[in-house]
Amino acid sequence: MSLPAREVVTRILQASLDQDIDGFVALLAPDAHLEWPYRPPGAPAGLRGRTEIRAHLAQVAGTFVRFDRHRDVVMHETLDPEVIIVEYEADGTLIPTGAPFRQTVISVWRVRDGQVVFCRDYINPLPLIEAHAGR
């Protein structure tokens, strides 16, 4: 039996905090699509497939940001059992400068057969931009 959407998303958020690329990618469907409509300059608008996602995560791991903690996580289950909406604050560190930041996140996840097939991650890029600028 596959894991419910809530459990899959809980595990993927923990893998993000742990910087566990293999654990993160293992929770994705082979053709998963991750999307960031609002993002800091230079960040991709989206990634498709485990191979592309793994390559991107490996490239940026330890070089851009580290998420230290997720606070006030609220998961909203929807009428569609595949879809879950998550709201939280992400405390992190901008690795090049060591500057802390707090980012508000709302993300929409579609989980099918225990694997993420889609995520649209609405991050607030302003805290990252401000941390990079030293504000």
Protein backbone atom coordinates (compact mmCIF):
# COMPACT_ATOMS: atom_id res chain seq x y z
CA MET A 1 0.00 0.00 0.00
CA SER A 2 1.34 3.44 -0.91
CA LEU A 3 1.72 6.28 1.56
CA PRO A 4 -1.00 8.95 1.76
CA ALA A 5 -0.25 12.43 0.39
CA ARG A 6 0.18 13.93 3.88
CA GLU A 7 2.88 11.40 4.81
CA VAL A 8 4.73 11.76 1.49
CA VAL A 9 4.82 15.55 1.82
CA THR A 10 5.92 15.31 5.46
CA ARG A 11 8.79 13.07 4.39
CA ILE A 12 9.80 15.30 1.49
CA LEU A 13 9.88 18.38 3.74
CA GLN A 14 12.12 16.49 6.17
CA ALA A 15 14.40 15.36 3.33
CA SER A 16 14.69 19.03 2.34
CA LEU A 17 15.77 19.98 5.87
CA ASP A 18 18.20 17.05 6.01
CA GLN A 19 19.61 17.98 2.59
CA ASP A 20 18.93 14.35 1.68
CA ILE A 21 18.86 14.48 -2.11
CA ASP A 22 18.43 10.71 -2.52
CA GLY A 23 15.59 10.64 0.01
CA PHE A 24 13.91 13.61 -1.68
CA VAL A 25 14.18 12.16 -5.19
CA ALA A 26 13.01 8.71 -4.04
CA LEU A 27 9.66 10.29 -3.13
CA LEU A 28 9.18 11.62 -6.67
CA ALA A 29 7.49 9.91 -9.59
CA PRO A 30 9.89 9.35 -12.52
CA ASP A 31 8.23 12.20 -14.47
CA ALA A 32 7.61 14.53 -11.50
CA HIS A 33 7.32 18.24 -12.17
CA LEU A 34 8.42 20.88 -9.65
CA GLU A 35 7.50 24.51 -10.34
CA TRP A 36 8.35 27.88 -8.73
CA PRO A 37 6.19 30.72 -10.15
CA TYR A 38 7.93 33.25 -7.85
CA ARG A 39 11.64 32.79 -7.35
CA PRO A 40 14.86 34.69 -6.81
CA PRO A 41 16.94 35.66 -9.86
CA GLY A 42 18.79 32.74 -11.38
CA ALA A 43 16.50 30.05 -9.96
CA PRO A 44 14.74 27.81 -12.49
CA ALA A 45 11.02 28.21 -13.14
CA GLY A 46 10.62 24.46 -13.02
CA LEU A 47 12.24 21.07 -13.25
CA ARG A 48 10.91 17.87 -14.85
CA GLY A 49 11.80 14.29 -14.09
CA ARG A 50 13.94 12.67 -11.43
CA THR A 51 17.14 12.99 -13.46
CA GLU A 52 16.80 16.75 -13.98
CA ILE A 53 15.65 17.33 -10.39
CA ARG A 54 18.50 15.26 -8.93
CA ALA A 55 21.08 17.05 -11.11
CA HIS A 56 19.79 20.46 -10.05
CA LEU A 57 19.71 19.56 -6.35
CA ALA A 58 23.23 18.12 -6.53
CA GLN A 59 24.46 21.28 -8.26
CA VAL A 60 23.01 23.71 -5.70
CA ALA A 61 23.39 21.59 -2.54
CA GLY A 62 25.56 23.41 -0.05
CA THR A 63 26.09 26.42 -2.31
CA PHE A 64 23.00 28.65 -2.12
CA VAL A 65 20.67 28.12 0.85
CA ARG A 66 20.30 25.78 3.77
CA PHE A 67 16.89 25.35 5.33
CA ASP A 68 17.34 25.04 9.08
CA ARG A 69 13.76 24.71 10.25
CA HIS A 70 10.16 24.66 9.09
CA ARG A 71 7.83 26.50 11.47
CA ASP A 72 4.07 26.62 11.79
CA VAL A 73 3.49 23.89 9.22
CA VAL A 74 -0.20 23.55 8.31
CA MET A 75 -1.36 20.90 5.87
CA HIS A 76 -4.72 21.30 4.17
CA GLU A 77 -6.18 18.13 2.75
CA THR A 78 -8.52 18.71 -0.17
CA LEU A 79 -11.52 16.93 -1.64
CA ASP A 80 -9.06 15.35 -4.08
CA PRO A 81 -7.10 12.76 -2.03
CA GLU A 82 -4.07 13.29 -4.29
CA VAL A 83 -3.80 17.01 -3.51
CA ILE A 84 -2.50 18.62 -0.34
CA ILE A 85 -1.75 22.29 0.28
CA VAL A 86 0.99 23.15 2.76
CA GLU A 87 1.69 26.49 4.45
CA TYR A 88 4.82 27.13 6.53
CA GLU A 89 7.66 29.45 7.40
CA ALA A 90 11.14 28.31 6.42
CA ASP A 91 14.06 29.55 8.50
CA GLY A 92 17.32 29.27 6.65
CA THR A 93 20.78 30.56 5.95
CA LEU A 94 22.10 32.06 2.75
CA ILE A 95 25.27 30.02 2.40
CA PRO A 96 27.52 32.51 0.52
CA THR A 97 27.03 35.21 3.18
CA GLY A 98 25.84 33.31 6.26
CA ALA A 99 22.86 35.68 6.43
CA PRO A 100 19.73 34.25 8.02
CA PHE A 101 16.34 34.54 6.35
CA ARG A 102 12.74 33.56 6.97
CA GLN A 103 10.65 32.68 3.96
CA THR A 104 6.88 32.20 3.72
CA VAL A 105 5.86 29.22 1.63
CA ILE A 106 2.58 27.91 0.30
CA SER A 107 2.88 24.83 -1.86
CA VAL A 108 0.42 22.64 -3.72
CA TRP A 109 1.35 18.98 -4.00
CA ARG A 110 -0.15 16.19 -6.09
CA VAL A 111 0.79 12.73 -4.83
CA ARG A 112 -0.21 9.62 -6.73
CA ASP A 113 0.54 6.07 -5.62
CA GLY A 114 2.85 7.36 -2.87
CA GLN A 115 4.98 9.54 -5.17
CA VAL A 116 4.96 13.26 -5.89
CA VAL A 117 3.88 13.89 -9.46
CA PHE A 118 3.64 17.68 -9.19
CA CYS A 119 4.46 20.51 -6.83
CA ARG A 120 3.89 24.22 -7.35
CA ASP A 121 5.92 25.98 -4.66
CA TYR A 122 4.87 29.57 -3.99
CA ILE A 123 7.88 30.92 -2.10
CA ASN A 124 8.37 34.53 -1.18
CA PRO A 125 11.70 35.36 -2.89
CA LEU A 126 12.10 38.76 -1.19
CA PRO A 127 13.77 37.45 2.00
CA LEU A 128 16.39 35.66 -0.11
CA ILE A 129 17.00 38.74 -2.21
CA GLU A 130 17.27 40.92 0.91
CA ALA A 131 19.61 38.45 2.65
CA HIS A 132 21.80 38.40 -0.46
CA ALA A 133 21.88 42.21 -0.51
CA GLY A 134 22.84 42.29 3.19
CA ARG A 135 19.67 43.95 4.42
